[in-house]
Amino acid sequence: MMTLFGDPQVWLPFTFATLMGIAILVYVVLDGFDLGVGVLFPFADDREKDRMIASIGPFWDANETWLVLAIGLLLVAFPAAHGTILTALYLPVAAMLIGLILRGVAFEYRVKAPPKWKSTWNWIFWGGSMLAALSQGFMLGMYIMGLEWTIWTVGFALLTSVFLTVGYSFIGAAWLIIKTDGLLQEKAVSWARGGIWGLVLGLGAISLASPLISARIFDKWFSMPQVLMLAPLPLLSLGLLAIIWVTLRRLPSANDSRAWVPFACGTGLFILAFCGMAYSFYPYVVPEKLTLYEAASAPEALIIILAGTVFVLPMIALYTTLAYYIFRGKATELSYE
């Protein structure tokens, strides 16, 4: 093994960190859009709400599988980091789980409950979506701030919670542009034009804060030749934002040929932001406290876990891909009959 792969104490933790990062990124994009659809609920009428639910119905539970995978990998591959991170973020994690539970219950009950209760379940679905999105944004901000609870770090986390929620509303609106037509699609275009500012402000806040809180990150960003190597990230981000802005001004179109562009470019922005964060914080899994190599389980345990992951990860990816392929095209009217 040493001959084929080098030191397992190095490549195994790196491999699991990469897998965990991919799972988090896929979750943020996929569950981000269905959380965003829930965030947009108050701006739609009853019939449009049904269509919005139909657009995410076949996907939302598959999307959350990636969160389970990411947390599972953190627990088994980096137990020390798992304990540190979840201890520091106990309250927002609990709030997120409550939000996800409320969403799951309301998703089913809003259709099956007596009509007089439908409005109540709609508000519960919106509240669960907001609570989950805000909690995730808060956790992101606290992680960037090094998991330290001070008035300044909490203030920054509250800002990122708002920015991420608005960013989710953008990716949710972009999804609705793909999956709907008519008046709802026109509304989705309008929602996306507003939500894009959440992405801009969120990316800007994270980009400004990350190098300021750590001299190590500052050096990684602004030393030569790293600054030249990182230049494509902000340039590509600006390019994707420009494409989104121009495309939204031309939507909806008669042939619907560009409906996929805002969602694809929004996904690209999330990927670029994630790459920037991964570069900034590597090799730390707990910022400035614990590297992924220090937090990793023993190589013997990681080998066994990797063998299981080799089977589980492709199954999750296949299941997700199959769901999106089978339910491609425009969302139809919601019906449980």
C-alpha atoms as a PDB file:
ATOM      1  CA  MET A   1       0.000   0.000   0.000  1.00  0.00           C
ATOM      2  CA  MET A   2       2.869   2.320   0.803  1.00  0.00           C
ATOM      3  CA  THR A   3       4.310   1.604  -2.656  1.00  0.00           C
ATOM      4  CA  LEU A   4       1.048   2.163  -4.531  1.00  0.00           C
ATOM      5  CA  PHE A   5      -0.349   5.157  -2.697  1.00  0.00           C
ATOM      6  CA  GLY A   6       2.354   6.602  -0.472  1.00  0.00           C
ATOM      7  CA  ASP A   7       1.811   7.237   3.230  1.00  0.00           C
ATOM      8  CA  PRO A   8      -1.757   6.182   4.227  1.00  0.00           C
ATOM      9  CA  GLN A   9      -1.628   8.672   7.108  1.00  0.00           C
ATOM     10  CA  VAL A  10      -1.544  11.389   4.455  1.00  0.00           C
ATOM     11  CA  TRP A  11      -3.642  10.228   1.503  1.00  0.00           C
ATOM     12  CA  LEU A  12      -6.434   8.593   3.502  1.00  0.00           C
ATOM     13  CA  PRO A  13      -7.375  11.733   5.516  1.00  0.00           C
ATOM     14  CA  PHE A  14      -7.066  13.820   2.351  1.00  0.00           C
ATOM     15  CA  THR A  15      -9.302  11.389   0.463  1.00  0.00           C
ATOM     16  CA  PHE A  16     -11.989  11.490   3.144  1.00  0.00           C
ATOM     17  CA  ALA A  17     -11.783  15.274   3.405  1.00  0.00           C
ATOM     18  CA  THR A  18     -12.316  15.443  -0.353  1.00  0.00           C
ATOM     19  CA  LEU A  19     -15.289  13.067  -0.219  1.00  0.00           C
ATOM     20  CA  MET A  20     -16.806  14.992   2.684  1.00  0.00           C
ATOM     21  CA  GLY A  21     -16.300  18.267   0.821  1.00  0.00           C
ATOM     22  CA  ILE A  22     -17.986  16.897  -2.297  1.00  0.00           C
ATOM     23  CA  ALA A  23     -20.940  15.680  -0.215  1.00  0.00           C
ATOM     24  CA  ILE A  24     -21.310  19.109   1.440  1.00  0.00           C
ATOM     25  CA  LEU A  25     -21.072  20.907  -1.901  1.00  0.00           C
ATOM     26  CA  VAL A  26     -23.665  18.649  -3.559  1.00  0.00           C
ATOM     27  CA  TYR A  27     -25.962  19.112  -0.568  1.00  0.00           C
ATOM     28  CA  VAL A  28     -25.653  22.904  -0.611  1.00  0.00           C
ATOM     29  CA  VAL A  29     -26.553  23.073  -4.311  1.00  0.00           C
ATOM     30  CA  LEU A  30     -29.303  20.439  -4.351  1.00  0.00           C
ATOM     31  CA  ASP A  31     -30.978  20.975  -0.988  1.00  0.00           C
ATOM     32  CA  GLY A  32     -30.205  24.663  -1.385  1.00  0.00           C
ATOM     33  CA  PHE A  33     -32.662  24.970  -4.247  1.00  0.00           C
ATOM     34  CA  ASP A  34     -35.479  23.128  -2.493  1.00  0.00           C
ATOM     35  CA  LEU A  35     -34.896  25.167   0.676  1.00  0.00           C
ATOM     36  CA  GLY A  36     -34.962  28.225  -1.561  1.00  0.00           C
ATOM     37  CA  VAL A  37     -38.291  27.179  -3.029  1.00  0.00           C
ATOM     38  CA  GLY A  38     -39.672  26.983   0.522  1.00  0.00           C
ATOM     39  CA  VAL A  39     -38.245  30.424   1.360  1.00  0.00           C
ATOM     40  CA  LEU A  40     -40.142  31.871  -1.630  1.00  0.00           C
ATOM     41  CA  PHE A  41     -43.497  30.417  -0.543  1.00  0.00           C
ATOM     42  CA  PRO A  42     -45.047  33.662   0.819  1.00  0.00           C
ATOM     43  CA  PHE A  43     -44.674  35.330  -2.593  1.00  0.00           C
ATOM     44  CA  ALA A  44     -46.849  32.771  -4.433  1.00  0.00           C
ATOM     45  CA  ASP A  45     -50.581  32.088  -4.456  1.00  0.00           C
ATOM     46  CA  ASP A  46     -52.098  28.742  -3.451  1.00  0.00           C
ATOM     47  CA  ARG A  47     -52.039  27.192  -6.912  1.00  0.00           C
ATOM     48  CA  GLU A  48     -48.463  28.342  -7.480  1.00  0.00           C
ATOM     49  CA  LYS A  49     -47.452  26.851  -4.131  1.00  0.00           C
ATOM     50  CA  ASP A  50     -48.760  23.472  -5.311  1.00  0.00           C
ATOM     51  CA  ARG A  51     -46.703  23.776  -8.495  1.00  0.00           C
ATOM     52  CA  MET A  52     -43.630  24.766  -6.495  1.00  0.00           C
ATOM     53  CA  ILE A  53     -44.046  21.722  -4.254  1.00  0.00           C
ATOM     54  CA  ALA A  54     -44.459  19.530  -7.347  1.00  0.00           C
ATOM     55  CA  SER A  55     -41.170  20.890  -8.723  1.00  0.00           C
ATOM     56  CA  ILE A  56     -39.187  19.613  -5.723  1.00  0.00           C
ATOM     57  CA  GLY A  57     -41.354  16.665  -4.654  1.00  0.00           C
ATOM     58  CA  PRO A  58     -39.341  13.872  -6.321  1.00  0.00           C
ATOM     59  CA  PHE A  59     -35.988  15.285  -5.192  1.00  0.00           C
ATOM     60  CA  TRP A  60     -36.002  16.812  -1.715  1.00  0.00           C
ATOM     61  CA  ASP A  61     -35.490  13.606   0.273  1.00  0.00           C
ATOM     62  CA  ALA A  62     -32.714  12.438  -2.074  1.00  0.00           C
ATOM     63  CA  ASN A  63     -31.044  15.840  -1.692  1.00  0.00           C
ATOM     64  CA  GLU A  64     -30.907  15.522   2.102  1.00  0.00           C
ATOM     65  CA  THR A  65     -29.141  12.166   1.768  1.00  0.00           C
ATOM     66  CA  TRP A  66     -25.974  14.096   0.952  1.00  0.00           C
ATOM     67  CA  LEU A  67     -26.140  15.899   4.300  1.00  0.00           C
ATOM     68  CA  VAL A  68     -26.386  12.555   6.095  1.00  0.00           C
ATOM     69  CA  LEU A  69     -23.392  11.307   4.111  1.00  0.00           C
ATOM     70  CA  ALA A  70     -21.306  14.390   4.924  1.00  0.00           C
ATOM     71  CA  ILE A  71     -22.026  14.237   8.658  1.00  0.00           C
ATOM     72  CA  GLY A  72     -21.451  10.470   8.651  1.00  0.00           C
ATOM     73  CA  LEU A  73     -18.052  10.899   7.022  1.00  0.00           C
ATOM     74  CA  LEU A  74     -17.154  13.611   9.526  1.00  0.00           C
ATOM     75  CA  LEU A  75     -18.109  11.325  12.414  1.00  0.00           C
ATOM     76  CA  VAL A  76     -16.283   8.181  11.319  1.00  0.00           C
ATOM     77  CA  ALA A  77     -13.263   9.716   9.561  1.00  0.00           C
ATOM     78  CA  PHE A  78     -12.624  12.775  11.767  1.00  0.00           C
ATOM     79  CA  PRO A  79     -14.173  11.997  15.177  1.00  0.00           C
ATOM     80  CA  ALA A  80     -12.158  14.632  17.036  1.00  0.00           C
ATOM     81  CA  ALA A  81     -13.297  17.340  14.616  1.00  0.00           C
ATOM     82  CA  HIS A  82     -16.873  16.022  14.746  1.00  0.00           C
ATOM     83  CA  GLY A  83     -16.949  16.492  18.504  1.00  0.00           C
ATOM     84  CA  THR A  84     -15.380  19.954  18.404  1.00  0.00           C
ATOM     85  CA  ILE A  85     -17.530  21.317  15.578  1.00  0.00           C
ATOM     86  CA  LEU A  86     -20.877  19.952  16.747  1.00  0.00           C
ATOM     87  CA  THR A  87     -20.196  20.973  20.339  1.00  0.00           C
ATOM     88  CA  ALA A  88     -19.514  24.553  19.254  1.00  0.00           C
ATOM     89  CA  LEU A  89     -22.532  24.584  16.906  1.00  0.00           C
ATOM     90  CA  TYR A  90     -24.945  22.582  19.041  1.00  0.00           C
ATOM     91  CA  LEU A  91     -27.740  25.179  19.037  1.00  0.00           C
ATOM     92  CA  PRO A  92     -27.752  26.006  15.304  1.00  0.00           C
ATOM     93  CA  VAL A  93     -27.479  22.300  14.443  1.00  0.00           C
ATOM     94  CA  ALA A  94     -30.514  21.591  16.631  1.00  0.00           C
ATOM     95  CA  ALA A  95     -32.385  24.478  14.989  1.00  0.00           C
ATOM     96  CA  MET A  96     -31.521  23.144  11.536  1.00  0.00           C
ATOM     97  CA  LEU A  97     -32.794  19.672  12.396  1.00  0.00           C
ATOM     98  CA  ILE A  98     -36.034  21.133  13.749  1.00  0.00           C
ATOM     99  CA  GLY A  99     -36.437  23.093  10.521  1.00  0.00           C
ATOM    100  CA  LEU A 100     -35.842  20.021   8.375  1.00  0.00           C
ATOM    101  CA  ILE A 101     -38.341  18.023  10.439  1.00  0.00           C
ATOM    102  CA  LEU A 102     -40.983  20.745  10.092  1.00  0.00           C
ATOM    103  CA  ARG A 103     -40.410  20.832   6.337  1.00  0.00           C
ATOM    104  CA  GLY A 104     -40.742  17.079   5.975  1.00  0.00           C
ATOM    105  CA  VAL A 105     -43.953  16.919   7.985  1.00  0.00           C
ATOM    106  CA  ALA A 106     -45.515  19.966   6.312  1.00  0.00           C
ATOM    107  CA  PHE A 107     -44.560  18.660   2.871  1.00  0.00           C
ATOM    108  CA  GLU A 108     -46.915  15.711   3.316  1.00  0.00           C
ATOM    109  CA  TYR A 109     -49.596  17.207   5.541  1.00  0.00           C
ATOM    110  CA  ARG A 110     -50.281  20.332   3.466  1.00  0.00           C
ATOM    111  CA  VAL A 111     -51.825  18.136   0.758  1.00  0.00           C
ATOM    112  CA  LYS A 112     -53.366  15.378   2.854  1.00  0.00           C
ATOM    113  CA  ALA A 113     -54.778  17.451   5.727  1.00  0.00           C
ATOM    114  CA  PRO A 114     -58.284  19.029   5.566  1.00  0.00           C
ATOM    115  CA  PRO A 115     -58.365  22.134   3.322  1.00  0.00           C
ATOM    116  CA  LYS A 116     -58.848  24.508   6.257  1.00  0.00           C
ATOM    117  CA  TRP A 117     -55.415  23.492   7.571  1.00  0.00           C
ATOM    118  CA  LYS A 118     -53.573  23.855   4.265  1.00  0.00           C
ATOM    119  CA  SER A 119     -52.620  27.480   4.889  1.00  0.00           C
ATOM    120  CA  THR A 120     -51.224  26.568   8.312  1.00  0.00           C
ATOM    121  CA  TRP A 121     -49.069  23.806   6.848  1.00  0.00           C
ATOM    122  CA  ASN A 122     -47.894  26.182   4.120  1.00  0.00           C
ATOM    123  CA  TRP A 123     -46.623  28.563   6.797  1.00  0.00           C
ATOM    124  CA  ILE A 124     -44.992  25.679   8.677  1.00  0.00           C
ATOM    125  CA  PHE A 125     -43.253  24.601   5.458  1.00  0.00           C
ATOM    126  CA  TRP A 126     -42.010  28.155   4.953  1.00  0.00           C
ATOM    127  CA  GLY A 127     -40.923  28.429   8.595  1.00  0.00           C
ATOM    128  CA  GLY A 128     -39.049  25.129   8.451  1.00  0.00           C
ATOM    129  CA  SER A 129     -37.310  26.199   5.238  1.00  0.00           C
ATOM    130  CA  MET A 130     -36.316  29.545   6.741  1.00  0.00           C
ATOM    131  CA  LEU A 131     -35.096  27.973   9.979  1.00  0.00           C
ATOM    132  CA  ALA A 132     -32.972  25.389   8.155  1.00  0.00           C
ATOM    133  CA  ALA A 133     -31.505  27.944   5.735  1.00  0.00           C
ATOM    134  CA  LEU A 134     -30.749  30.549   8.420  1.00  0.00           C
ATOM    135  CA  SER A 135     -29.171  27.898  10.653  1.00  0.00           C
ATOM    136  CA  GLN A 136     -26.887  26.695   7.880  1.00  0.00           C
ATOM    137  CA  GLY A 137     -25.815  30.254   7.128  1.00  0.00           C
ATOM    138  CA  PHE A 138     -25.145  30.876  10.809  1.00  0.00           C
ATOM    139  CA  MET A 139     -23.028  27.719  11.057  1.00  0.00           C
ATOM    140  CA  LEU A 140     -21.063  28.772   7.973  1.00  0.00           C
ATOM    141  CA  GLY A 141     -20.322  32.152   9.512  1.00  0.00           C
ATOM    142  CA  MET A 142     -19.280  30.671  12.848  1.00  0.00           C
ATOM    143  CA  TYR A 143     -17.028  28.154  11.102  1.00  0.00           C
ATOM    144  CA  ILE A 144     -15.290  30.918   9.153  1.00  0.00           C
ATOM    145  CA  MET A 145     -14.851  32.841  12.417  1.00  0.00           C
ATOM    146  CA  GLY A 146     -13.105  29.836  13.994  1.00  0.00           C
ATOM    147  CA  LEU A 147     -16.083  28.585  16.057  1.00  0.00           C
ATOM    148  CA  GLU A 148     -15.480  31.292  18.680  1.00  0.00           C
ATOM    149  CA  TRP A 149     -18.614  32.753  20.304  1.00  0.00           C
ATOM    150  CA  THR A 150     -18.118  36.511  20.665  1.00  0.00           C
ATOM    151  CA  ILE A 151     -20.360  39.439  19.842  1.00  0.00           C
ATOM    152  CA  TRP A 152     -18.405  40.044  16.631  1.00  0.00           C
ATOM    153  CA  THR A 153     -18.379  36.452  15.410  1.00  0.00           C
ATOM    154  CA  VAL A 154     -22.087  36.044  16.157  1.00  0.00           C
ATOM    155  CA  GLY A 155     -22.785  39.298  14.318  1.00  0.00           C
ATOM    156  CA  PHE A 156     -20.886  38.039  11.277  1.00  0.00           C
ATOM    157  CA  ALA A 157     -22.687  34.680  11.490  1.00  0.00           C
ATOM    158  CA  LEU A 158     -26.048  36.463  11.539  1.00  0.00           C
ATOM    159  CA  LEU A 159     -25.049  38.314   8.367  1.00  0.00           C
ATOM    160  CA  THR A 160     -23.989  35.124   6.589  1.00  0.00           C
ATOM    161  CA  SER A 161     -27.225  33.447   7.686  1.00  0.00           C
ATOM    162  CA  VAL A 162     -29.209  36.154   5.886  1.00  0.00           C
ATOM    163  CA  PHE A 163     -26.948  36.133   2.826  1.00  0.00           C
ATOM    164  CA  LEU A 164     -27.052  32.350   2.459  1.00  0.00           C
ATOM    165  CA  THR A 165     -30.834  32.322   2.833  1.00  0.00           C
ATOM    166  CA  VAL A 166     -31.187  34.924   0.101  1.00  0.00           C
ATOM    167  CA  GLY A 167     -28.677  32.954  -1.962  1.00  0.00           C
ATOM    168  CA  TYR A 168     -30.813  29.853  -1.493  1.00  0.00           C
ATOM    169  CA  SER A 169     -33.834  31.849  -2.665  1.00  0.00           C
ATOM    170  CA  PHE A 170     -31.892  32.650  -5.830  1.00  0.00           C
ATOM    171  CA  ILE A 171     -30.982  29.055  -6.598  1.00  0.00           C
ATOM    172  CA  GLY A 172     -34.572  28.060  -5.750  1.00  0.00           C
ATOM    173  CA  ALA A 173     -35.926  30.665  -8.159  1.00  0.00           C
ATOM    174  CA  ALA A 174     -33.446  29.492 -10.804  1.00  0.00           C
ATOM    175  CA  TRP A 175     -34.765  25.946 -10.337  1.00  0.00           C
ATOM    176  CA  LEU A 176     -38.351  27.168 -10.786  1.00  0.00           C
ATOM    177  CA  ILE A 177     -37.325  28.889 -14.025  1.00  0.00           C
ATOM    178  CA  ILE A 178     -36.328  25.465 -15.340  1.00  0.00           C
ATOM    179  CA  LYS A 179     -39.284  23.514 -13.960  1.00  0.00           C
ATOM    180  CA  THR A 180     -42.203  25.898 -14.546  1.00  0.00           C
ATOM    181  CA  ASP A 181     -43.721  28.080 -17.231  1.00  0.00           C
ATOM    182  CA  GLY A 182     -46.229  30.873 -17.618  1.00  0.00           C
ATOM    183  CA  LEU A 183     -46.857  33.377 -14.828  1.00  0.00           C
ATOM    184  CA  LEU A 184     -44.989  31.352 -12.194  1.00  0.00           C
ATOM    185  CA  GLN A 185     -41.881  31.276 -14.374  1.00  0.00           C
ATOM    186  CA  GLU A 186     -42.128  35.045 -14.817  1.00  0.00           C
ATOM    187  CA  LYS A 187     -42.339  35.442 -11.050  1.00  0.00           C
ATOM    188  CA  ALA A 188     -39.351  33.114 -10.627  1.00  0.00           C
ATOM    189  CA  VAL A 189     -37.294  35.322 -12.945  1.00  0.00           C
ATOM    190  CA  SER A 190     -38.212  38.344 -10.814  1.00  0.00           C
ATOM    191  CA  TRP A 191     -37.331  36.463  -7.611  1.00  0.00           C
ATOM    192  CA  ALA A 192     -33.976  35.418  -9.078  1.00  0.00           C
ATOM    193  CA  ARG A 193     -33.138  39.020  -9.962  1.00  0.00           C
ATOM    194  CA  GLY A 194     -33.539  39.942  -6.306  1.00  0.00           C
ATOM    195  CA  GLY A 195     -31.943  36.816  -4.878  1.00  0.00           C
ATOM    196  CA  ILE A 196     -28.744  37.197  -6.861  1.00  0.00           C
ATOM    197  CA  TRP A 197     -27.718  39.971  -4.474  1.00  0.00           C
ATOM    198  CA  GLY A 198     -27.629  37.440  -1.659  1.00  0.00           C
ATOM    199  CA  LEU A 199     -24.974  35.548  -3.580  1.00  0.00           C
ATOM    200  CA  VAL A 200     -23.003  38.721  -4.304  1.00  0.00           C
ATOM    201  CA  LEU A 201     -23.079  39.992  -0.714  1.00  0.00           C
ATOM    202  CA  GLY A 202     -22.451  36.545   0.748  1.00  0.00           C
ATOM    203  CA  LEU A 203     -19.456  35.854  -1.457  1.00  0.00           C
ATOM    204  CA  GLY A 204     -18.132  39.335  -0.739  1.00  0.00           C
ATOM    205  CA  ALA A 205     -18.497  38.977   3.034  1.00  0.00           C
ATOM    206  CA  ILE A 206     -16.778  35.586   3.108  1.00  0.00           C
ATOM    207  CA  SER A 207     -13.998  36.790   0.795  1.00  0.00           C
ATOM    208  CA  LEU A 208     -13.313  39.816   2.994  1.00  0.00           C
ATOM    209  CA  ALA A 209     -13.558  38.032   6.334  1.00  0.00           C
ATOM    210  CA  SER A 210     -11.490  34.919   5.613  1.00  0.00           C
ATOM    211  CA  PRO A 211      -8.086  36.605   5.133  1.00  0.00           C
ATOM    212  CA  LEU A 212      -8.734  39.160   7.887  1.00  0.00           C
ATOM    213  CA  ILE A 213      -9.271  36.583  10.650  1.00  0.00           C
ATOM    214  CA  SER A 214      -6.121  34.609   9.908  1.00  0.00           C
ATOM    215  CA  ALA A 215      -2.634  35.751   8.991  1.00  0.00           C
ATOM    216  CA  ARG A 216      -2.054  32.286   7.519  1.00  0.00           C
ATOM    217  CA  ILE A 217      -5.018  32.658   5.132  1.00  0.00           C
ATOM    218  CA  PHE A 218      -3.947  36.214   4.298  1.00  0.00           C
ATOM    219  CA  ASP A 219      -0.519  34.939   3.262  1.00  0.00           C
ATOM    220  CA  LYS A 220      -2.060  32.113   1.217  1.00  0.00           C
ATOM    221  CA  TRP A 221      -4.165  34.633  -0.688  1.00  0.00           C
ATOM    222  CA  PHE A 222      -1.845  37.563  -1.222  1.00  0.00           C
ATOM    223  CA  SER A 223       1.679  36.152  -1.366  1.00  0.00           C
ATOM    224  CA  MET A 224       3.360  35.660  -4.734  1.00  0.00           C
ATOM    225  CA  PRO A 225       2.812  33.580  -6.807  1.00  0.00           C
ATOM    226  CA  GLN A 226      -0.396  32.435  -5.025  1.00  0.00           C
ATOM    227  CA  VAL A 227      -2.191  35.691  -5.782  1.00  0.00           C
ATOM    228  CA  LEU A 228      -1.699  35.088  -9.508  1.00  0.00           C
ATOM    229  CA  MET A 229      -2.840  31.468  -9.251  1.00  0.00           C
ATOM    230  CA  LEU A 230      -6.010  32.496  -7.397  1.00  0.00           C
ATOM    231  CA  ALA A 231      -6.874  35.339  -9.782  1.00  0.00           C
ATOM    232  CA  PRO A 232      -9.105  33.108 -11.972  1.00  0.00           C
ATOM    233  CA  LEU A 233     -11.520  32.505  -9.047  1.00  0.00           C
ATOM    234  CA  PRO A 234     -12.798  36.091  -8.690  1.00  0.00           C
ATOM    235  CA  LEU A 235     -12.613  36.644 -12.444  1.00  0.00           C
ATOM    236  CA  LEU A 236     -14.686  33.538 -13.160  1.00  0.00           C
ATOM    237  CA  SER A 237     -17.144  34.553 -10.440  1.00  0.00           C
ATOM    238  CA  LEU A 238     -17.609  37.975 -11.993  1.00  0.00           C
ATOM    239  CA  GLY A 239     -18.067  36.350 -15.393  1.00  0.00           C
ATOM    240  CA  LEU A 240     -20.756  33.980 -14.081  1.00  0.00           C
ATOM    241  CA  LEU A 241     -22.550  36.855 -12.335  1.00  0.00           C
ATOM    242  CA  ALA A 242     -22.537  38.832 -15.579  1.00  0.00           C
ATOM    243  CA  ILE A 243     -23.968  35.855 -17.500  1.00  0.00           C
ATOM    244  CA  ILE A 244     -26.704  35.414 -14.891  1.00  0.00           C
ATOM    245  CA  TRP A 245     -27.609  39.094 -14.974  1.00  0.00           C
ATOM    246  CA  VAL A 246     -27.792  39.276 -18.756  1.00  0.00           C
ATOM    247  CA  THR A 247     -29.731  36.014 -19.024  1.00  0.00           C
ATOM    248  CA  LEU A 248     -32.308  37.035 -16.409  1.00  0.00           C
ATOM    249  CA  ARG A 249     -32.999  40.225 -18.353  1.00  0.00           C
ATOM    250  CA  ARG A 250     -33.866  38.083 -21.387  1.00  0.00           C
ATOM    251  CA  LEU A 251     -36.063  35.564 -19.592  1.00  0.00           C
ATOM    252  CA  PRO A 252     -38.592  34.159 -19.962  1.00  0.00           C
ATOM    253  CA  SER A 253     -37.963  33.412 -23.633  1.00  0.00           C
ATOM    254  CA  ALA A 254     -40.337  31.950 -26.197  1.00  0.00           C
ATOM    255  CA  ASN A 255     -38.465  28.674 -26.709  1.00  0.00           C
ATOM    256  CA  ASP A 256     -37.232  28.394 -23.096  1.00  0.00           C
ATOM    257  CA  SER A 257     -33.763  27.587 -24.436  1.00  0.00           C
ATOM    258  CA  ARG A 258     -31.876  29.613 -21.793  1.00  0.00           C
ATOM    259  CA  ALA A 259     -33.941  28.618 -18.761  1.00  0.00           C
ATOM    260  CA  TRP A 260     -31.116  26.399 -17.456  1.00  0.00           C
ATOM    261  CA  VAL A 261     -28.448  29.131 -17.527  1.00  0.00           C
ATOM    262  CA  PRO A 262     -29.130  30.883 -14.157  1.00  0.00           C
ATOM    263  CA  PHE A 263     -29.182  27.576 -12.275  1.00  0.00           C
ATOM    264  CA  ALA A 264     -26.026  26.306 -13.984  1.00  0.00           C
ATOM    265  CA  CYS A 265     -24.147  29.554 -13.375  1.00  0.00           C
ATOM    266  CA  GLY A 266     -25.397  29.737  -9.788  1.00  0.00           C
ATOM    267  CA  THR A 267     -24.082  26.226  -9.243  1.00  0.00           C
ATOM    268  CA  GLY A 268     -20.769  27.365 -10.711  1.00  0.00           C
ATOM    269  CA  LEU A 269     -20.624  30.221  -8.178  1.00  0.00           C
ATOM    270  CA  PHE A 270     -21.198  27.823  -5.292  1.00  0.00           C
ATOM    271  CA  ILE A 271     -18.433  25.566  -6.626  1.00  0.00           C
ATOM    272  CA  LEU A 272     -15.972  28.455  -6.962  1.00  0.00           C
ATOM    273  CA  ALA A 273     -16.803  29.711  -3.465  1.00  0.00           C
ATOM    274  CA  PHE A 274     -16.305  26.223  -2.058  1.00  0.00           C
ATOM    275  CA  CYS A 275     -12.959  25.855  -3.828  1.00  0.00           C
ATOM    276  CA  GLY A 276     -11.845  29.174  -2.371  1.00  0.00           C
ATOM    277  CA  MET A 277     -12.829  28.124   1.146  1.00  0.00           C
ATOM    278  CA  ALA A 278     -11.191  24.713   0.778  1.00  0.00           C
ATOM    279  CA  TYR A 279      -7.953  26.344  -0.343  1.00  0.00           C
ATOM    280  CA  SER A 280      -8.107  28.905   2.470  1.00  0.00           C
ATOM    281  CA  PHE A 281      -8.669  26.510   5.358  1.00  0.00           C
ATOM    282  CA  TYR A 282      -6.602  23.514   4.218  1.00  0.00           C
ATOM    283  CA  PRO A 283      -5.121  21.615   6.029  1.00  0.00           C
ATOM    284  CA  TYR A 284      -7.389  22.583   8.954  1.00  0.00           C
ATOM    285  CA  VAL A 285     -10.702  20.837   9.491  1.00  0.00           C
ATOM    286  CA  VAL A 286     -11.306  22.927  12.633  1.00  0.00           C
ATOM    287  CA  PRO A 287     -10.063  26.406  11.672  1.00  0.00           C
ATOM    288  CA  GLU A 288      -6.643  27.193  13.134  1.00  0.00           C
ATOM    289  CA  LYS A 289      -7.016  24.448  15.760  1.00  0.00           C
ATOM    290  CA  LEU A 290      -7.070  20.945  14.306  1.00  0.00           C
ATOM    291  CA  THR A 291      -5.752  19.721  10.976  1.00  0.00           C
ATOM    292  CA  LEU A 292      -7.484  16.921   9.103  1.00  0.00           C
ATOM    293  CA  TYR A 293      -4.407  14.752   9.676  1.00  0.00           C
ATOM    294  CA  GLU A 294      -4.548  15.302  13.447  1.00  0.00           C
ATOM    295  CA  ALA A 295      -8.303  14.688  13.585  1.00  0.00           C
ATOM    296  CA  ALA A 296      -8.364  11.592  11.363  1.00  0.00           C
ATOM    297  CA  SER A 297      -9.123   8.088  12.580  1.00  0.00           C
ATOM    298  CA  ALA A 298      -6.413   5.439  12.438  1.00  0.00           C
ATOM    299  CA  PRO A 299      -5.423   4.373   8.895  1.00  0.00           C
ATOM    300  CA  GLU A 300      -6.634   0.826   9.568  1.00  0.00           C
ATOM    301  CA  ALA A 301     -10.102   2.131  10.402  1.00  0.00           C
ATOM    302  CA  LEU A 302     -10.130   4.512   7.428  1.00  0.00           C
ATOM    303  CA  ILE A 303      -9.322   1.661   5.041  1.00  0.00           C
ATOM    304  CA  ILE A 304     -12.389  -0.265   6.248  1.00  0.00           C
ATOM    305  CA  ILE A 305     -14.573   2.858   6.034  1.00  0.00           C
ATOM    306  CA  LEU A 306     -13.254   3.602   2.545  1.00  0.00           C
ATOM    307  CA  ALA A 307     -14.213   0.109   1.390  1.00  0.00           C
ATOM    308  CA  GLY A 308     -17.790   0.778   2.494  1.00  0.00           C
ATOM    309  CA  THR A 309     -17.799   4.258   0.979  1.00  0.00           C
ATOM    310  CA  VAL A 310     -16.749   2.851  -2.398  1.00  0.00           C
ATOM    311  CA  PHE A 311     -20.069   0.987  -2.483  1.00  0.00           C
ATOM    312  CA  VAL A 312     -22.326   3.522  -0.753  1.00  0.00           C
ATOM    313  CA  LEU A 313     -21.295   6.705  -2.562  1.00  0.00           C
ATOM    314  CA  PRO A 314     -21.958   5.428  -6.123  1.00  0.00           C
ATOM    315  CA  MET A 315     -25.371   4.136  -5.000  1.00  0.00           C
ATOM    316  CA  ILE A 316     -26.337   7.536  -3.614  1.00  0.00           C
ATOM    317  CA  ALA A 317     -25.058   9.251  -6.761  1.00  0.00           C
ATOM    318  CA  LEU A 318     -26.928   6.776  -8.977  1.00  0.00           C
ATOM    319  CA  TYR A 319     -30.156   7.177  -7.006  1.00  0.00           C
ATOM    320  CA  THR A 320     -29.913  10.977  -7.196  1.00  0.00           C
ATOM    321  CA  THR A 321     -29.083  10.968 -10.911  1.00  0.00           C
ATOM    322  CA  LEU A 322     -31.903   8.541 -11.676  1.00  0.00           C
ATOM    323  CA  ALA A 323     -34.434  10.705  -9.826  1.00  0.00           C
ATOM    324  CA  TYR A 324     -33.432  13.804 -11.775  1.00  0.00           C
ATOM    325  CA  TYR A 325     -33.499  11.893 -15.071  1.00  0.00           C
ATOM    326  CA  ILE A 326     -36.900  10.275 -14.537  1.00  0.00           C
ATOM    327  CA  PHE A 327     -38.558  13.504 -13.371  1.00  0.00           C
ATOM    328  CA  ARG A 328     -36.923  15.804 -15.916  1.00  0.00           C
ATOM    329  CA  GLY A 329     -38.999  18.406 -17.713  1.00  0.00           C
ATOM    330  CA  LYS A 330     -41.605  20.817 -16.435  1.00  0.00           C
ATOM    331  CA  ALA A 331     -43.382  20.175 -13.135  1.00  0.00           C
ATOM    332  CA  THR A 332     -47.033  19.226 -13.608  1.00  0.00           C
ATOM    333  CA  GLU A 333     -50.002  19.948 -11.377  1.00  0.00           C
ATOM    334  CA  LEU A 334     -49.635  18.426  -7.918  1.00  0.00           C
ATOM    335  CA  SER A 335     -51.829  15.370  -7.339  1.00  0.00           C
ATOM    336  CA  TYR A 336     -51.812  12.556  -4.779  1.00  0.00           C
ATOM    337  CA  GLU A 337     -54.596  10.583  -6.429  1.00  0.00           C
END
